[in-house]
PDB file of N, CA and C in Angstrom:
ATOM      1  N   MET A   1     -10.006  -9.268  18.513  1.00  0.00           N
ATOM      2  CA  MET A   1      -9.253  -9.321  17.227  1.00  0.00           C
ATOM      3  C   MET A   1      -8.060 -10.148  17.319  1.00  0.00           C
ATOM      4  N   ASN A   2      -7.798 -10.792  16.166  1.00  0.00           N
ATOM      5  CA  ASN A   2      -6.755 -11.982  15.994  1.00  0.00           C
ATOM      6  C   ASN A   2      -5.466 -11.333  15.296  1.00  0.00           C
ATOM      7  N   PHE A   3      -4.712 -10.818  16.113  1.00  0.00           N
ATOM      8  CA  PHE A   3      -3.472 -10.218  15.533  1.00  0.00           C
ATOM      9  C   PHE A   3      -2.436 -11.287  15.230  1.00  0.00           C
ATOM     10  N   ARG A   4      -1.651 -10.952  14.064  1.00  0.00           N
ATOM     11  CA  ARG A   4      -0.367 -11.651  13.619  1.00  0.00           C
ATOM     12  C   ARG A   4       0.851 -10.992  14.276  1.00  0.00           C
ATOM     13  N   LYS A   5       1.714 -11.737  14.404  1.00  0.00           N
ATOM     14  CA  LYS A   5       2.901 -11.558  15.212  1.00  0.00           C
ATOM     15  C   LYS A   5       3.858 -10.587  14.076  1.00  0.00           C
ATOM     16  N   VAL A   6       4.567  -9.046  14.459  1.00  0.00           N
ATOM     17  CA  VAL A   6       5.074  -8.435  13.378  1.00  0.00           C
ATOM     18  C   VAL A   6       6.484  -8.578  13.568  1.00  0.00           C
ATOM     19  N   LYS A   7       7.282  -9.024  12.716  1.00  0.00           N
ATOM     20  CA  LYS A   7       8.774  -9.078  12.417  1.00  0.00           C
ATOM     21  C   LYS A   7       9.148  -7.560  12.278  1.00  0.00           C
ATOM     22  N   LEU A   8       9.501  -6.728  13.378  1.00  0.00           N
ATOM     23  CA  LEU A   8       9.899  -5.130  13.121  1.00  0.00           C
ATOM     24  C   LEU A   8      11.024  -5.079  11.904  1.00  0.00           C
ATOM     25  N   SER A   9      11.956  -5.880  12.429  1.00  0.00           N
ATOM     26  CA  SER A   9      13.321  -5.657  11.470  1.00  0.00           C
ATOM     27  C   SER A   9      12.983  -5.642  10.071  1.00  0.00           C
ATOM     28  N   GLY A  10      12.069  -6.703   9.525  1.00  0.00           N
ATOM     29  CA  GLY A  10      11.915  -7.122   8.427  1.00  0.00           C
ATOM     30  C   GLY A  10      10.606  -6.062   7.748  1.00  0.00           C
ATOM     31  N   LEU A  11       9.967  -5.625   8.484  1.00  0.00           N
ATOM     32  CA  LEU A  11       8.878  -4.510   7.918  1.00  0.00           C
ATOM     33  C   LEU A  11       9.695  -3.035   8.050  1.00  0.00           C
ATOM     34  N   LEU A  12      10.661  -2.958   8.799  1.00  0.00           N
ATOM     35  CA  LEU A  12      11.230  -1.425   8.700  1.00  0.00           C
ATOM     36  C   LEU A  12      12.208  -1.427   7.563  1.00  0.00           C
ATOM     37  N   SER A  13      12.812  -2.430   7.278  1.00  0.00           N
ATOM     38  CA  SER A  13      13.693  -2.900   6.300  1.00  0.00           C
ATOM     39  C   SER A  13      13.010  -2.548   4.979  1.00  0.00           C
ATOM     40  N   LYS A  14      11.856  -3.100   4.720  1.00  0.00           N
ATOM     41  CA  LYS A  14      11.086  -2.720   3.595  1.00  0.00           C
ATOM     42  C   LYS A  14      10.763  -1.636   3.279  1.00  0.00           C
ATOM     43  N   VAL A  15      10.113  -0.921   4.483  1.00  0.00           N
ATOM     44  CA  VAL A  15       9.439   0.696   4.270  1.00  0.00           C
ATOM     45  C   VAL A  15      10.806   1.584   3.939  1.00  0.00           C
ATOM     46  N   PHE A  16      11.673   1.383   4.936  1.00  0.00           N
ATOM     47  CA  PHE A  16      12.754   2.382   4.648  1.00  0.00           C
ATOM     48  C   PHE A  16      13.911   1.863   3.772  1.00  0.00           C
ATOM     49  N   ASN A  17      13.912   0.844   3.085  1.00  0.00           N
ATOM     50  CA  ASN A  17      14.562   0.400   1.886  1.00  0.00           C
ATOM     51  C   ASN A  17      16.077   0.573   2.328  1.00  0.00           C
ATOM     52  N   PHE A  18      16.375  -0.539   3.384  1.00  0.00           N
ATOM     53  CA  PHE A  18      17.627  -0.759   4.007  1.00  0.00           C
ATOM     54  C   PHE A  18      17.708  -2.411   3.728  1.00  0.00           C
ATOM     55  N   THR A  19      19.024  -3.093   3.959  1.00  0.00           N
ATOM     56  CA  THR A  19      19.178  -4.133   4.185  1.00  0.00           C
ATOM     57  C   THR A  19      18.743  -4.835   5.498  1.00  0.00           C
ATOM     58  N   GLU A  20      17.994  -5.640   5.526  1.00  0.00           N
ATOM     59  CA  GLU A  20      17.622  -6.049   7.008  1.00  0.00           C
ATOM     60  C   GLU A  20      18.764  -6.363   7.883  1.00  0.00           C
ATOM     61  N   ARG A  21      18.653  -5.837   8.804  1.00  0.00           N
ATOM     62  CA  ARG A  21      19.781  -5.699  10.346  1.00  0.00           C
ATOM     63  C   ARG A  21      18.993  -5.921  11.288  1.00  0.00           C
ATOM     64  N   SER A  22      19.791  -6.076  12.282  1.00  0.00           N
ATOM     65  CA  SER A  22      19.296  -6.004  13.866  1.00  0.00           C
ATOM     66  C   SER A  22      19.094  -4.563  13.911  1.00  0.00           C
ATOM     67  N   ILE A  23      17.630  -4.566  14.627  1.00  0.00           N
ATOM     68  CA  ILE A  23      17.499  -3.011  14.880  1.00  0.00           C
ATOM     69  C   ILE A  23      17.187  -3.030  16.645  1.00  0.00           C
ATOM     70  N   ASN A  24      17.291  -1.669  17.182  1.00  0.00           N
ATOM     71  CA  ASN A  24      16.993  -1.543  18.708  1.00  0.00           C
ATOM     72  C   ASN A  24      16.340  -0.682  18.960  1.00  0.00           C
ATOM     73  N   LYS A  25      15.750  -0.411  19.978  1.00  0.00           N
ATOM     74  CA  LYS A  25      14.593   0.473  20.496  1.00  0.00           C
ATOM     75  C   LYS A  25      15.083   1.736  20.503  1.00  0.00           C
ATOM     76  N   ASN A  26      16.107   1.822  20.190  1.00  0.00           N
ATOM     77  CA  ASN A  26      16.858   3.510  20.240  1.00  0.00           C
ATOM     78  C   ASN A  26      16.615   3.797  18.893  1.00  0.00           C
ATOM     79  N   ASP A  27      16.594   2.872  17.777  1.00  0.00           N
ATOM     80  CA  ASP A  27      16.678   3.624  16.525  1.00  0.00           C
ATOM     81  C   ASP A  27      15.628   4.502  16.099  1.00  0.00           C
ATOM     82  N   SER A  28      15.890   5.336  15.230  1.00  0.00           N
ATOM     83  CA  SER A  28      14.946   6.688  14.918  1.00  0.00           C
ATOM     84  C   SER A  28      15.300   7.082  13.738  1.00  0.00           C
ATOM     85  N   PRO A  29      14.346   8.439  13.335  1.00  0.00           N
ATOM     86  CA  PRO A  29      15.105   8.784  12.163  1.00  0.00           C
ATOM     87  C   PRO A  29      16.626   9.486  11.940  1.00  0.00           C
ATOM     88  N   GLU A  30      17.026   9.327  12.997  1.00  0.00           N
ATOM     89  CA  GLU A  30      18.564   9.729  13.153  1.00  0.00           C
ATOM     90  C   GLU A  30      19.584   8.608  12.788  1.00  0.00           C
ATOM     91  N   THR A  31      18.724   7.398  12.838  1.00  0.00           N
ATOM     92  CA  THR A  31      19.763   6.219  12.941  1.00  0.00           C
ATOM     93  C   THR A  31      19.357   5.261  11.688  1.00  0.00           C
ATOM     94  N   ILE A  32      17.890   5.411  10.867  1.00  0.00           N
ATOM     95  CA  ILE A  32      17.372   4.833  10.007  1.00  0.00           C
ATOM     96  C   ILE A  32      17.263   6.013   8.919  1.00  0.00           C
ATOM     97  N   ALA A  33      18.209   5.769   7.807  1.00  0.00           N
ATOM     98  CA  ALA A  33      18.031   6.760   6.593  1.00  0.00           C
ATOM     99  C   ALA A  33      16.671   6.494   6.074  1.00  0.00           C
ATOM    100  N   GLY A  34      16.194   7.509   5.406  1.00  0.00           N
ATOM    101  CA  GLY A  34      14.899   7.761   4.680  1.00  0.00           C
ATOM    102  C   GLY A  34      13.468   7.776   5.452  1.00  0.00           C
ATOM    103  N   TRP A  35      13.727   7.852   6.954  1.00  0.00           N
ATOM    104  CA  TRP A  35      12.658   7.735   8.009  1.00  0.00           C
ATOM    105  C   TRP A  35      12.274   9.225   7.775  1.00  0.00           C
ATOM    106  N   ASP A  36      11.400   9.567   7.138  1.00  0.00           N
ATOM    107  CA  ASP A  36      10.830  10.981   7.276  1.00  0.00           C
ATOM    108  C   ASP A  36       9.463  11.045   7.780  1.00  0.00           C
ATOM    109  N   SER A  37       8.440  11.776   7.152  1.00  0.00           N
ATOM    110  CA  SER A  37       7.258  11.859   7.709  1.00  0.00           C
ATOM    111  C   SER A  37       6.401  10.988   6.945  1.00  0.00           C
ATOM    112  N   PHE A  38       6.545  11.126   5.521  1.00  0.00           N
ATOM    113  CA  PHE A  38       5.746  10.311   4.701  1.00  0.00           C
ATOM    114  C   PHE A  38       6.007   8.793   4.793  1.00  0.00           C
ATOM    115  N   LYS A  39       7.359   8.542   4.867  1.00  0.00           N
ATOM    116  CA  LYS A  39       7.692   6.915   5.355  1.00  0.00           C
ATOM    117  C   LYS A  39       7.147   6.407   6.465  1.00  0.00           C
ATOM    118  N   ALA A  40       7.040   7.602   7.282  1.00  0.00           N
ATOM    119  CA  ALA A  40       6.410   6.832   8.874  1.00  0.00           C
ATOM    120  C   ALA A  40       4.961   6.599   8.593  1.00  0.00           C
ATOM    121  N   LEU A  41       4.427   7.345   7.718  1.00  0.00           N
ATOM    122  CA  LEU A  41       2.974   6.980   7.399  1.00  0.00           C
ATOM    123  C   LEU A  41       2.798   5.729   6.952  1.00  0.00           C
ATOM    124  N   ILE A  42       3.451   5.328   5.744  1.00  0.00           N
ATOM    125  CA  ILE A  42       3.878   4.102   5.079  1.00  0.00           C
ATOM    126  C   ILE A  42       3.992   2.814   6.255  1.00  0.00           C
ATOM    127  N   MET A  43       4.617   3.278   7.120  1.00  0.00           N
ATOM    128  CA  MET A  43       4.908   2.444   8.349  1.00  0.00           C
ATOM    129  C   MET A  43       4.052   1.853   8.912  1.00  0.00           C
ATOM    130  N   ILE A  44       3.418   2.872   9.394  1.00  0.00           N
ATOM    131  CA  ILE A  44       2.060   2.685  10.074  1.00  0.00           C
ATOM    132  C   ILE A  44       1.221   2.015   9.336  1.00  0.00           C
ATOM    133  N   GLN A  45       0.870   2.348   8.092  1.00  0.00           N
ATOM    134  CA  GLN A  45      -0.094   1.512   7.275  1.00  0.00           C
ATOM    135  C   GLN A  45       0.470  -0.059   7.236  1.00  0.00           C
ATOM    136  N   GLU A  46       1.914  -0.322   6.644  1.00  0.00           N
ATOM    137  CA  GLU A  46       2.237  -1.739   6.871  1.00  0.00           C
ATOM    138  C   GLU A  46       2.380  -2.386   8.480  1.00  0.00           C
ATOM    139  N   LEU A  47       2.537  -1.480   9.422  1.00  0.00           N
ATOM    140  CA  LEU A  47       2.090  -2.010  10.670  1.00  0.00           C
ATOM    141  C   LEU A  47       0.755  -2.728  10.731  1.00  0.00           C
ATOM    142  N   GLU A  48      -0.111  -1.916  10.590  1.00  0.00           N
ATOM    143  CA  GLU A  48      -1.618  -2.523  10.587  1.00  0.00           C
ATOM    144  C   GLU A  48      -1.807  -3.530   9.676  1.00  0.00           C
ATOM    145  N   ILE A  49      -1.099  -3.699   8.488  1.00  0.00           N
ATOM    146  CA  ILE A  49      -1.416  -4.845   7.651  1.00  0.00           C
ATOM    147  C   ILE A  49      -0.789  -5.974   8.114  1.00  0.00           C
ATOM    148  N   ALA A  50       0.477  -5.966   8.546  1.00  0.00           N
ATOM    149  CA  ALA A  50       1.298  -7.110   9.120  1.00  0.00           C
ATOM    150  C   ALA A  50       0.661  -7.476  10.687  1.00  0.00           C
ATOM    151  N   ALA A  51      -0.110  -6.682  11.225  1.00  0.00           N
ATOM    152  CA  ALA A  51      -0.602  -6.900  12.397  1.00  0.00           C
ATOM    153  C   ALA A  51      -2.172  -7.499  12.274  1.00  0.00           C
ATOM    154  N   ASN A  52      -2.633  -7.297  11.142  1.00  0.00           N
ATOM    155  CA  ASN A  52      -4.083  -7.330  11.028  1.00  0.00           C
ATOM    156  C   ASN A  52      -4.998  -6.584  12.087  1.00  0.00           C
ATOM    157  N   GLY A  53      -4.555  -5.336  11.922  1.00  0.00           N
ATOM    158  CA  GLY A  53      -5.138  -4.560  13.153  1.00  0.00           C
ATOM    159  C   GLY A  53      -5.221  -3.122  12.679  1.00  0.00           C
ATOM    160  N   LYS A  54      -5.749  -2.089  13.649  1.00  0.00           N
ATOM    161  CA  LYS A  54      -6.013  -0.586  13.093  1.00  0.00           C
ATOM    162  C   LYS A  54      -5.463   0.108  14.682  1.00  0.00           C
ATOM    163  N   PHE A  55      -4.836   1.040  14.331  1.00  0.00           N
ATOM    164  CA  PHE A  55      -4.521   2.192  15.370  1.00  0.00           C
ATOM    165  C   PHE A  55      -5.374   3.271  15.356  1.00  0.00           C
ATOM    166  N   GLU A  56      -5.214   3.719  16.899  1.00  0.00           N
ATOM    167  CA  GLU A  56      -6.264   4.952  16.486  1.00  0.00           C
ATOM    168  C   GLU A  56      -5.228   6.150  16.171  1.00  0.00           C
ATOM    169  N   ILE A  57      -5.697   7.324  15.631  1.00  0.00           N
ATOM    170  CA  ILE A  57      -4.696   8.398  15.187  1.00  0.00           C
ATOM    171  C   ILE A  57      -4.369   9.217  16.305  1.00  0.00           C
ATOM    172  N   GLU A  58      -4.577   9.099  17.451  1.00  0.00           N
ATOM    173  CA  GLU A  58      -3.859   9.793  18.676  1.00  0.00           C
ATOM    174  C   GLU A  58      -2.559   9.011  18.789  1.00  0.00           C
ATOM    175  N   ASP A  59      -2.702   7.796  18.758  1.00  0.00           N
ATOM    176  CA  ASP A  59      -1.724   6.976  19.359  1.00  0.00           C
ATOM    177  C   ASP A  59      -0.245   7.080  18.207  1.00  0.00           C
ATOM    178  N   LEU A  60      -0.605   7.502  16.870  1.00  0.00           N
ATOM    179  CA  LEU A  60       0.797   7.829  16.106  1.00  0.00           C
ATOM    180  C   LEU A  60       1.195   8.899  15.977  1.00  0.00           C
ATOM    181  N   LYS A  61       0.821  10.056  16.784  1.00  0.00           N
ATOM    182  CA  LYS A  61       1.617  11.101  16.573  1.00  0.00           C
ATOM    183  C   LYS A  61       3.081  11.427  17.590  1.00  0.00           C
ATOM    184  N   ASP A  62       3.060  10.266  18.268  1.00  0.00           N
ATOM    185  CA  ASP A  62       4.108  10.612  19.250  1.00  0.00           C
ATOM    186  C   ASP A  62       5.274   9.222  18.693  1.00  0.00           C
ATOM    187  N   ILE A  63       4.949   8.776  17.542  1.00  0.00           N
ATOM    188  CA  ILE A  63       6.164   7.507  17.213  1.00  0.00           C
ATOM    189  C   ILE A  63       7.285   8.491  16.876  1.00  0.00           C
ATOM    190  N   ARG A  64       8.528   8.176  17.479  1.00  0.00           N
ATOM    191  CA  ARG A  64       9.555   8.783  16.864  1.00  0.00           C
ATOM    192  C   ARG A  64      10.703   8.018  17.086  1.00  0.00           C
ATOM    193  N   THR A  65      10.385   6.773  17.650  1.00  0.00           N
ATOM    194  CA  THR A  65      11.876   5.659  18.008  1.00  0.00           C
ATOM    195  C   THR A  65      10.930   4.450  17.585  1.00  0.00           C
ATOM    196  N   VAL A  66      11.773   3.110  17.517  1.00  0.00           N
ATOM    197  CA  VAL A  66      11.376   1.633  17.361  1.00  0.00           C
ATOM    198  C   VAL A  66      10.995   1.453  18.820  1.00  0.00           C
ATOM    199  N   GLU A  67      10.999   2.242  19.975  1.00  0.00           N
ATOM    200  CA  GLU A  67      10.681   2.005  21.177  1.00  0.00           C
ATOM    201  C   GLU A  67       9.326   2.549  21.307  1.00  0.00           C
ATOM    202  N   ASP A  68       8.788   3.422  20.576  1.00  0.00           N
ATOM    203  CA  ASP A  68       7.385   3.946  20.653  1.00  0.00           C
ATOM    204  C   ASP A  68       6.431   2.850  19.846  1.00  0.00           C
ATOM    205  N   ILE A  69       7.311   2.425  18.836  1.00  0.00           N
ATOM    206  CA  ILE A  69       6.658   1.574  17.931  1.00  0.00           C
ATOM    207  C   ILE A  69       6.328   0.337  18.813  1.00  0.00           C
ATOM    208  N   THR A  70       7.061  -0.170  19.768  1.00  0.00           N
ATOM    209  CA  THR A  70       7.125  -1.313  20.479  1.00  0.00           C
ATOM    210  C   THR A  70       5.727  -1.098  21.608  1.00  0.00           C
ATOM    211  N   ARG A  71       5.946   0.350  22.125  1.00  0.00           N
ATOM    212  CA  ARG A  71       4.885   0.717  23.018  1.00  0.00           C
ATOM    213  C   ARG A  71       3.399   0.636  22.495  1.00  0.00           C
ATOM    214  N   LEU A  72       3.571   0.925  21.152  1.00  0.00           N
ATOM    215  CA  LEU A  72       2.114   0.809  20.693  1.00  0.00           C
ATOM    216  C   LEU A  72       1.505  -0.461  20.275  1.00  0.00           C
ATOM    217  N   LEU A  73       2.748  -1.209  19.735  1.00  0.00           N
ATOM    218  CA  LEU A  73       2.234  -2.921  19.522  1.00  0.00           C
ATOM    219  C   LEU A  73       1.750  -3.474  20.847  1.00  0.00           C
ATOM    220  N   ASP A  74       2.364  -3.034  22.354  1.00  0.00           N
ATOM    221  CA  ASP A  74       2.181  -3.485  23.540  1.00  0.00           C
ATOM    222  C   ASP A  74       0.922  -3.214  23.855  1.00  0.00           C
ATOM    223  N   LYS A  75       0.535  -1.846  23.625  1.00  0.00           N
ATOM    224  CA  LYS A  75      -0.764  -1.220  24.078  1.00  0.00           C
ATOM    225  C   LYS A  75      -1.929  -2.022  23.425  1.00  0.00           C
ATOM    226  N   TYR A  76      -1.848  -2.409  22.074  1.00  0.00           N
ATOM    227  CA  TYR A  76      -2.557  -3.248  21.424  1.00  0.00           C
ATOM    228  C   TYR A  76      -2.670  -4.631  21.635  1.00  0.00           C
ATOM    229  N   LYS A  77      -1.665  -5.023  22.256  1.00  0.00           N
ATOM    230  CA  LYS A  77      -1.449  -6.470  22.485  1.00  0.00           C
ATOM    231  C   LYS A  77      -1.253  -7.303  21.305  1.00  0.00           C
ATOM    232  N   ILE A  78      -0.321  -6.523  20.460  1.00  0.00           N
ATOM    233  CA  ILE A  78       0.018  -7.264  19.293  1.00  0.00           C
ATOM    234  C   ILE A  78       1.704  -7.672  19.400  1.00  0.00           C
ATOM    235  N   PRO A  79       1.639  -9.257  19.020  1.00  0.00           N
ATOM    236  CA  PRO A  79       2.840  -9.911  19.325  1.00  0.00           C
ATOM    237  C   PRO A  79       3.854  -9.279  18.279  1.00  0.00           C
ATOM    238  N   TYR A  80       5.243  -9.106  18.607  1.00  0.00           N
ATOM    239  CA  TYR A  80       6.092  -8.559  17.838  1.00  0.00           C
ATOM    240  C   TYR A  80       7.590  -9.339  18.118  1.00  0.00           C
ATOM    241  N   GLU A  81       8.640  -9.187  17.202  1.00  0.00           N
ATOM    242  CA  GLU A  81      10.083  -9.265  17.557  1.00  0.00           C
ATOM    243  C   GLU A  81      10.569  -8.485  16.893  1.00  0.00           C
ATOM    244  N   LEU A  82      11.832  -7.969  17.157  1.00  0.00           N
ATOM    245  CA  LEU A  82      12.677  -6.795  16.836  1.00  0.00           C
ATOM    246  C   LEU A  82      13.470  -7.650  15.792  1.00  0.00           C
TER     247      LEU A  82
END
């Protein structure tokens, strides 16, 4: 599969409706307003669209931080930038 590079700061700012800013791997629902279970589903959908790929449902249940997202992208060898 031919994955596209994902720009996480832009994607997260779009999904969680904040002005694009630097994000770090420790960011989570505690540091990003609006990160709730519903928006997390939207985030996954947007990640799939941005990367031109699909994730397994088992991979998604443990996403609680930006670092978890980067691990998921690494697992599927999807290029990204913070």
